[in-house]
Every structure is written in C-alpha cells, then in structure tokens.
Protein backbone atom coordinates (compact mmCIF):
# COMPACT_ATOMS: atom_id res chain seq x y z
CA MET A 1 39.60 -4.30 -27.75
CA TYR A 2 38.67 -3.06 -24.26
CA ALA A 3 36.71 -0.18 -25.79
CA VAL A 4 34.71 -2.58 -27.96
CA VAL A 5 33.91 -4.82 -24.98
CA HIS A 6 32.90 -1.80 -22.89
CA VAL A 7 30.63 -0.39 -25.62
CA GLY A 8 29.07 -3.80 -26.27
CA GLY A 9 28.42 -4.40 -22.58
CA SER A 10 26.89 -0.92 -22.24
CA MET A 11 24.54 -1.55 -25.17
CA ILE A 12 23.44 -4.88 -23.70
CA PHE A 13 22.88 -3.21 -20.33
CA VAL A 14 20.73 -0.45 -21.86
CA SER A 15 18.68 -3.00 -23.84
CA LEU A 16 18.06 -5.18 -20.79
CA LEU A 17 17.19 -2.10 -18.72
CA PHE A 18 14.59 -1.01 -21.28
CA TRP A 19 12.95 -4.41 -21.69
CA VAL A 20 12.84 -5.15 -17.97
CA SER A 21 11.20 -1.77 -17.30
CA TYR A 22 8.71 -2.39 -20.11
CA ALA A 23 7.88 -5.85 -18.74
CA PHE A 24 7.19 -4.50 -15.25
CA ALA A 25 5.10 -1.61 -16.62
CA GLU A 26 3.02 -3.89 -18.86
CA GLY A 27 2.56 -6.45 -16.09
CA GLY A 28 1.56 -3.72 -13.63
CA VAL A 29 -1.11 -2.36 -15.97
CA ARG A 30 -2.60 -5.79 -16.67
CA SER A 31 -2.60 -6.83 -13.03
CA SER A 32 -4.20 -3.52 -12.02
CA LYS A 33 -7.02 -4.01 -14.52
CA THR A 34 -7.66 -7.53 -13.25
CA LEU A 35 -7.56 -6.41 -9.62
CA HIS A 36 -9.93 -3.48 -10.25
CA GLN A 37 -12.49 -5.67 -11.98
CA LEU A 38 -12.29 -8.42 -9.37
CA CYS A 39 -12.60 -6.08 -6.37
CA LEU A 40 -15.46 -4.09 -7.93
CA GLU A 41 -17.44 -7.21 -8.82
CA ARG A 42 -17.02 -8.66 -5.34
CA LEU A 43 -17.95 -5.35 -3.75
CA MET A 44 -21.10 -4.89 -5.85
CA TYR A 45 -22.41 -8.33 -4.83
CA ALA A 46 -21.39 -8.16 -1.17
CA PRO A 47 -24.19 -8.77 1.40
CA LEU A 48 -26.02 -5.73 2.78
CA GLY A 49 -25.02 -6.71 6.29
CA TRP A 50 -21.37 -6.25 5.33
CA PHE A 51 -22.01 -2.64 4.28
CA GLU A 52 -23.75 -1.99 7.60
CA SER A 53 -20.77 -3.32 9.60
CA VAL A 54 -18.01 -1.60 7.56
CA PRO A 55 -17.81 2.23 7.59
CA SER A 56 -18.15 3.89 4.22
CA GLY A 57 -14.95 5.83 4.84
CA ARG A 58 -12.98 2.62 5.14
CA ILE A 59 -14.28 1.42 1.79
CA MET A 60 -13.46 4.77 0.20
CA SER A 61 -9.99 4.68 1.76
CA ARG A 62 -9.32 1.24 0.34
CA PHE A 63 -10.39 2.31 -3.15
CA SER A 64 -8.44 5.57 -3.03
CA SER A 65 -5.21 5.23 -1.03
CA ASP A 66 -4.61 1.50 -1.46
CA VAL A 67 -5.62 1.37 -5.12
CA SER A 68 -3.45 4.37 -6.04
CA MET A 69 -0.55 2.88 -4.07
CA VAL A 70 -0.84 -0.48 -5.83
CA ASP A 71 -1.30 1.06 -9.29
CA GLN A 72 1.54 3.55 -9.03
CA ALA A 73 4.04 2.17 -6.53
CA VAL A 74 4.18 -1.62 -6.67
CA ALA A 75 5.26 -2.02 -10.31
CA GLN A 76 7.65 0.92 -10.08
CA TRP A 77 9.38 -0.20 -6.91
CA ALA A 78 9.45 -3.84 -8.05
CA ASP A 79 11.25 -2.68 -11.21
CA ASN A 80 13.69 -0.63 -9.14
CA ILE A 81 14.38 -3.44 -6.67
CA ALA A 82 15.09 -5.90 -9.53
CA GLN A 83 17.54 -3.51 -11.18
CA LEU A 84 19.24 -2.59 -7.90
CA THR A 85 19.56 -6.27 -6.96
CA CYS A 86 21.38 -7.07 -10.22
CA THR A 87 23.56 -3.95 -10.00
CA LEU A 88 24.50 -4.53 -6.37
CA THR A 89 25.24 -8.22 -6.95
CA LEU A 90 27.55 -7.51 -9.87
CA LEU A 91 29.24 -4.70 -7.97
CA VAL A 92 29.96 -6.90 -4.95
CA VAL A 93 31.21 -9.81 -7.09
CA VAL A 94 33.54 -7.59 -9.13
CA THR A 95 34.80 -5.78 -6.04
CA ILE A 96 35.60 -8.96 -4.10
CA SER A 97 37.28 -10.53 -7.15
CA VAL A 98 39.52 -7.47 -7.54
CA ALA A 99 40.00 -6.66 -3.82
CA PRO A 100 39.30 -9.76 -1.69
CA VAL A 101 39.98 -7.85 1.51
CA CYS A 102 36.67 -6.01 1.00
CA ALA A 103 34.77 -9.24 1.69
CA PHE A 104 35.08 -8.76 5.46
CA PRO A 105 33.60 -5.24 5.68
CA PHE A 106 30.98 -6.18 3.08
CA ALA A 107 29.89 -9.17 5.18
CA ALA A 108 29.54 -6.94 8.24
CA CYS A 109 27.67 -4.37 6.15
CA PHE A 110 25.14 -6.91 4.83
CA GLY A 111 24.64 -8.35 8.31
CA LEU A 112 23.87 -4.93 9.78
CA PHE A 113 21.64 -4.11 6.83
CA ALA A 114 19.64 -7.34 7.24
CA PHE A 115 19.16 -6.63 10.94
CA LEU A 116 18.06 -3.07 10.15
CA MET A 117 15.47 -4.26 7.61
CA TRP A 118 14.17 -6.86 10.05
CA ALA A 119 13.82 -4.22 12.80
CA THR A 120 12.04 -1.58 10.68
CA MET A 121 10.00 -3.66 8.23
CA LYS A 122 7.10 -4.64 10.47
CA PRO A 123 6.70 -1.23 12.23
CA ALA A 124 6.68 0.50 8.84
CA ARG A 125 3.92 -1.78 7.51
CA GLU A 126 1.79 -1.56 10.64
CA LEU A 127 2.08 2.23 10.87
CA LYS A 128 1.15 2.58 7.20
CA ARG A 129 -1.88 0.33 7.77
CA ALA A 130 -2.88 2.42 10.80
CA THR A 131 -2.49 5.61 8.73
CA ILE A 132 -4.86 4.37 6.05
CA ASP A 133 -7.32 3.17 8.69
CA ALA A 134 -7.16 6.61 10.35
CA MET A 135 -8.25 8.16 7.05
CA SER A 136 -11.52 6.19 7.21
CA PRO A 137 -13.23 8.36 9.89
CA VAL A 138 -12.22 11.52 8.03
CA LEU A 139 -13.83 10.35 4.80
CA SER A 140 -16.91 9.07 6.63
CA ILE A 141 -17.48 12.36 8.46
CA VAL A 142 -16.98 14.44 5.31
CA SER A 143 -19.34 12.23 3.29
CA GLN A 144 -22.06 12.15 5.95
CA THR A 145 -21.76 15.89 6.56
CA ALA A 146 -22.16 16.66 2.87
CA GLU A 147 -25.26 14.45 2.65
CA GLY A 148 -26.93 15.65 5.88
CA ARG A 149 -25.72 19.24 6.16
CA GLN A 150 -29.25 20.67 6.29
CA SER A 151 -30.29 18.27 9.03
CA LEU A 152 -27.15 19.06 11.03
CA ARG A 153 -27.88 22.77 10.80
CA SER A 154 -31.50 22.34 11.84
CA MET A 155 -30.50 20.27 14.88
CA GLY A 156 -27.59 22.54 15.84
CA LEU A 157 -24.94 19.82 15.47
CA THR A 158 -22.51 21.70 13.22
CA GLN A 159 -20.13 22.45 16.10
CA LEU A 160 -20.10 18.81 17.21
CA THR A 161 -19.44 17.65 13.66
CA SER A 162 -16.61 20.15 13.31
CA GLU A 163 -15.01 18.91 16.53
CA MET A 164 -15.32 15.28 15.39
CA LEU A 165 -13.68 16.12 12.06
CA CYS A 166 -10.81 18.01 13.74
CA GLU A 167 -10.19 15.10 16.10
CA ALA A 168 -10.16 12.62 13.20
CA LEU A 169 -7.75 14.84 11.25
CA ASP A 170 -5.43 15.11 14.26
CA THR A 171 -5.37 11.33 14.60
CA TYR A 172 -4.64 10.87 10.91
CA THR A 173 -1.83 13.46 11.02
CA LYS A 174 -0.21 11.72 13.99
CA PHE A 175 -0.18 8.35 12.24
CA PHE A 176 0.96 9.92 8.96
CA ARG A 177 3.97 11.52 10.66
CA ALA A 178 4.69 8.35 12.62
CA ALA A 179 4.64 6.25 9.43
CA GLN A 180 7.58 8.29 8.09
CA LEU A 181 9.78 7.52 11.10
CA PRO A 182 10.84 3.93 10.24
CA VAL A 183 11.74 4.94 6.67
CA ASP A 184 13.72 8.00 7.80
CA PHE A 185 15.43 5.98 10.53
CA SER A 186 16.46 3.27 8.08
CA MET A 187 17.98 5.87 5.75
CA VAL A 188 19.97 7.44 8.58
CA ALA A 189 21.06 4.03 9.86
CA CYS A 190 22.15 2.97 6.36
CA GLY A 191 24.24 6.12 6.15
CA ALA A 192 25.83 5.28 9.51
CA ILE A 193 26.57 1.74 8.30
CA SER A 194 28.20 3.16 5.17
CA VAL A 195 30.43 5.42 7.26
CA LEU A 196 31.29 2.55 9.62
CA VAL A 197 32.28 0.21 6.79
CA GLY A 198 34.28 2.92 5.03
CA CYS A 199 36.12 3.92 8.20
CA SER A 200 36.93 0.32 9.09
CA THR A 201 38.36 -0.26 5.60
CA ALA A 202 40.35 2.96 5.87
CA VAL A 203 41.80 1.87 9.21
CA PHE A 204 42.75 -1.50 7.76
CA CYS A 205 44.47 0.15 4.81
CA ALA A 206 46.26 2.60 7.10
CA LEU A 207 47.57 -0.18 9.32
CA GLY A 208 48.82 -2.18 6.33
CA ARG A 209 50.09 0.70 4.22
CA ASP A 210 53.61 -0.69 4.29
CA HIS A 211 52.52 -3.99 2.75
CA LEU A 212 49.66 -2.96 0.44
CA ASP A 213 49.87 -1.48 -3.02
CA PRO A 214 48.60 2.16 -3.13
CA ALA A 215 46.39 1.39 -6.14
CA PHE A 216 44.87 -1.54 -4.28
CA MET A 217 44.18 0.63 -1.22
CA ALA A 218 42.55 3.32 -3.37
CA LEU A 219 40.29 0.73 -5.02
CA ALA A 220 39.35 -0.83 -1.68
CA LEU A 221 38.50 2.57 -0.16
CA THR A 222 36.41 3.56 -3.19
CA TYR A 223 34.29 0.44 -3.19
CA SER A 224 33.98 0.36 0.60
CA PHE A 225 31.98 3.58 0.35
CA LEU A 226 30.23 2.76 -2.95
CA VAL A 227 28.64 -0.58 -1.96
CA PRO A 228 27.04 0.73 1.28
CA TYR A 229 25.83 3.76 -0.67
CA PHE A 230 23.94 1.52 -3.11
CA LEU A 231 22.80 -0.62 -0.21
CA ALA A 232 21.16 2.41 1.44
CA PHE A 233 19.12 3.05 -1.72
CA TYR A 234 18.29 -0.65 -1.85
CA GLY A 235 16.89 -0.51 1.68
CA ASP A 236 14.77 2.56 0.92
CA VAL A 237 13.31 0.99 -2.22
CA LEU A 238 12.70 -2.31 -0.42
CA ASN A 239 10.80 -0.55 2.37
CA ARG A 240 8.61 1.29 -0.13
CA LEU A 241 7.90 -1.92 -2.02
CA LEU A 242 6.86 -3.74 1.15
CA VAL A 243 4.55 -0.88 2.12
CA GLY A 244 2.96 -1.05 -1.33
CA LEU A 245 2.53 -4.81 -1.01
CA SER A 246 0.74 -4.28 2.32
CA GLY A 247 -1.81 -2.17 0.42
CA LEU A 248 -2.18 -5.00 -2.09
CA GLU A 249 -2.75 -7.38 0.81
CA ARG A 250 -5.58 -5.22 2.14
CA LEU A 251 -7.18 -5.00 -1.30
CA MET A 252 -7.11 -8.77 -1.66
CA HIS A 253 -9.52 -8.96 1.29
CA TYR A 254 -12.12 -7.37 -0.99
CA ALA A 255 -11.45 -10.02 -3.61
CA GLU A 256 -12.53 -12.66 -1.07
CA LEU A 257 -15.75 -11.05 0.16
CA GLU A 258 -18.76 -13.23 0.83
CA GLN A 259 -21.31 -12.83 -1.95
CA GLU A 260 -25.07 -12.50 -1.95
CA PRO A 261 -26.84 -15.57 -3.35
CA PRO A 262 -28.08 -15.13 -6.93
CA ARG A 263 -31.48 -13.53 -7.36
CA HIS A 264 -32.72 -16.22 -9.72
CA MET A 265 -31.93 -19.90 -9.62
CA PRO A 266 -32.04 -22.32 -12.57
CA ASN A 267 -35.50 -23.89 -12.97
CA GLU A 268 -36.84 -21.90 -10.04
CA GLU A 269 -40.34 -21.80 -11.50
CA VAL A 270 -40.46 -25.58 -11.70
CA LEU A 271 -39.09 -25.98 -8.18
CA ALA A 272 -41.49 -23.39 -6.70
CA GLY A 273 -44.63 -24.92 -8.15
CA PRO A 274 -48.03 -23.26 -8.55
CA ALA A 275 -48.37 -22.57 -4.80
CA TRP A 276 -45.48 -20.06 -4.76
CA PRO A 277 -46.77 -16.52 -4.02
CA ARG A 278 -46.94 -14.23 -7.04
CA ALA A 279 -47.60 -10.91 -5.28
CA GLY A 280 -46.48 -8.97 -2.23
CA LEU A 281 -47.86 -6.00 -0.31
CA LEU A 282 -46.12 -3.55 2.04
CA GLU A 283 -48.35 -0.94 3.69
CA PHE A 284 -47.58 1.99 6.05
CA GLU A 285 -50.31 3.89 7.87
CA GLY A 286 -49.73 7.07 9.86
CA VAL A 287 -45.96 6.66 10.24
CA SER A 288 -43.99 9.49 11.93
CA LEU A 289 -40.19 9.67 12.10
CA VAL A 290 -38.00 11.85 14.33
CA TYR A 291 -34.22 12.23 14.45
CA ARG A 292 -34.14 12.19 18.24
CA SER A 293 -36.52 12.28 21.21
CA ARG A 294 -38.48 15.52 21.78
CA ALA A 295 -37.55 16.79 18.32
CA ILE A 296 -39.81 17.96 15.51
CA ALA A 297 -40.91 15.06 13.34
CA GLY A 298 -39.15 14.95 9.99
CA CYS A 299 -41.90 12.72 8.58
CA CYS A 300 -45.39 13.12 10.05
CA GLN A 301 -48.38 10.79 9.55
CA ALA A 302 -47.15 9.32 6.29
CA SER A 303 -49.01 6.50 4.60
CA ALA A 304 -47.88 4.34 1.70
CA ARG A 305 -48.97 1.17 -0.04
CA LEU A 306 -46.40 -0.79 -2.06
CA LEU A 307 -47.66 -3.61 -4.23
CA SER A 308 -45.44 -6.02 -6.17
CA ILE A 309 -46.80 -8.51 -8.67
CA SER A 310 -44.61 -11.03 -10.47
CA PRO A 311 -45.32 -11.60 -14.16
CA PRO A 312 -47.15 -14.82 -14.91
C-alpha cells in the first residue's frame, strides 16, 4: 500500500513539474514577443531630441544585456522559484509535523534568511543597474570609433580614443566584479545560517539525549541541515530573479517613451485650405565645415539646392 501511494505521488509530482515548466516557458516566450514589439515600436517613433540626449551605447546596452536577461533569465528563475517554494513549504510542514522541536530552529533560520535577503537585495539590484550603465560608454566608443576611424587617424586622436576605451572598460570591470559580491555574500551567509541551525539542533539533541528517542534525534538532525540547504538555493534563485526583474523594469521605460506626433492628420487637406504652402526650398552656398579650429576643412565651398514639392 505504501509503495502504491509513493509511486502515485511521484507520478503526480513529475506531471505537475512538467506542466508548470511548460507554462512558464510558453508564457516567457509570449511575453518576450510582446515586449520586443512594444519596445521597438516606441523606440522607432521616439522624438529626435530623445536620441540626442540619450547615448547610443545606452540604447544598445538596453537592447542587448537587458533583453537577453529578460528573455533567458526571468522565465527560468520564476519557474525555479515556484518549484522551490512548493518543495520547501512541503518539506517544512512535513518536518514540523514529524519533529515539532524543529520549529524553533526553523523559525530562527527563516528570520535570519529574511534579514539577509533584505540586506542584500537592494545593493545587488543597484550594482547590476550600474554595471549595465557602465557598459554604455564602452559600446558608444566602439561604435563611434568604427564609424569615424579614418577621421580619428587623420586628426591623430587614436591614442586618446584608446585611453578613453581603456578607462571605460576598467569602470565596467569594477562594477561587474562588485555586482557579484552581494550574491556571493548571500551564499556564504546562507551556508553559515545552515551550520548555525544544524549545530543548535545538535546541541539540543545532545542535551536531551536521555529523554529523546534516537530515531527522533536522527530525523531532527537530518532535517535541520536539509531545510537550510534548500533555503540557501532559494535565496540564490530569488536574488537572480530580482536582478532579472530589474532589467525588465528598465526595459519598461522604453515602452513608455514619448512619441512623435503623426506625420499626417485626418482631413489635413481640408483643415489646411488652399493657402497652405505646397513647396519648400533649402539652399546652401559656399559652405565649409571643419572638425576643429585651425584644421583642414573636411567640406570646402559646397553648394546645394534642395527643392520639395507636394503633390497636388
């Protein structure tokens, strides 16, 4: 009878595990498609002044680091956190029902874990945001250097550009290394909490060895190490999920960009009337352009005449 119940429960667990994973994967793909389309449409119709005020590297960073993080990490870590939440809840309930004495160390463990997450959550998100922002100058310098490499060589600015790129890379590396510290610290602290809870349970069992059943003490010691072990993985997955959600938060700013007014309005011909101008002229005469003062002109005495005529 017990074997049948165990096999049946295992089959139900495997089925639920498969369908929950499939639901998160399907939902992640659909939400990513919707987010991509929304952000791209808002970006294509953003005002020109916005592009002048925002560095190109920052836009590229958003659509490379943040998009890849949201596409690959958010659905995966959300699936993991849902499964770990159910597993950890069932484990704690079963353990306390079998060994009620474990409720005291478990309560202390969850309290320390909650304090640890509160202490490391915000620094981890802010450092990850600073890391992605530090990638913006690197991408901007690389893009501008590739486009204007001949001009940089002619003006002798290759050394300056190289120094700027090295400085930007150093800044990015510093923030990248710093962003790993809260996650690594939380893992080490979770391990210390696990050892603390296990040792406190072991001391309690040692002090009451004359009154406690040996099987009960063995069960209490086993679960006193097992629950904090799962809790450490839970904290790591939760931190990664929150970092991925911070990338989603930054992408949502692009979904709320101010848009350029439409080029054509309904009934604009009727509203304009016959007096509305039908042609435009832009004329340049003898224009010279230089990159800097006392430099050779890149464009010398250029003239152009641009005429635009609207169809009748």
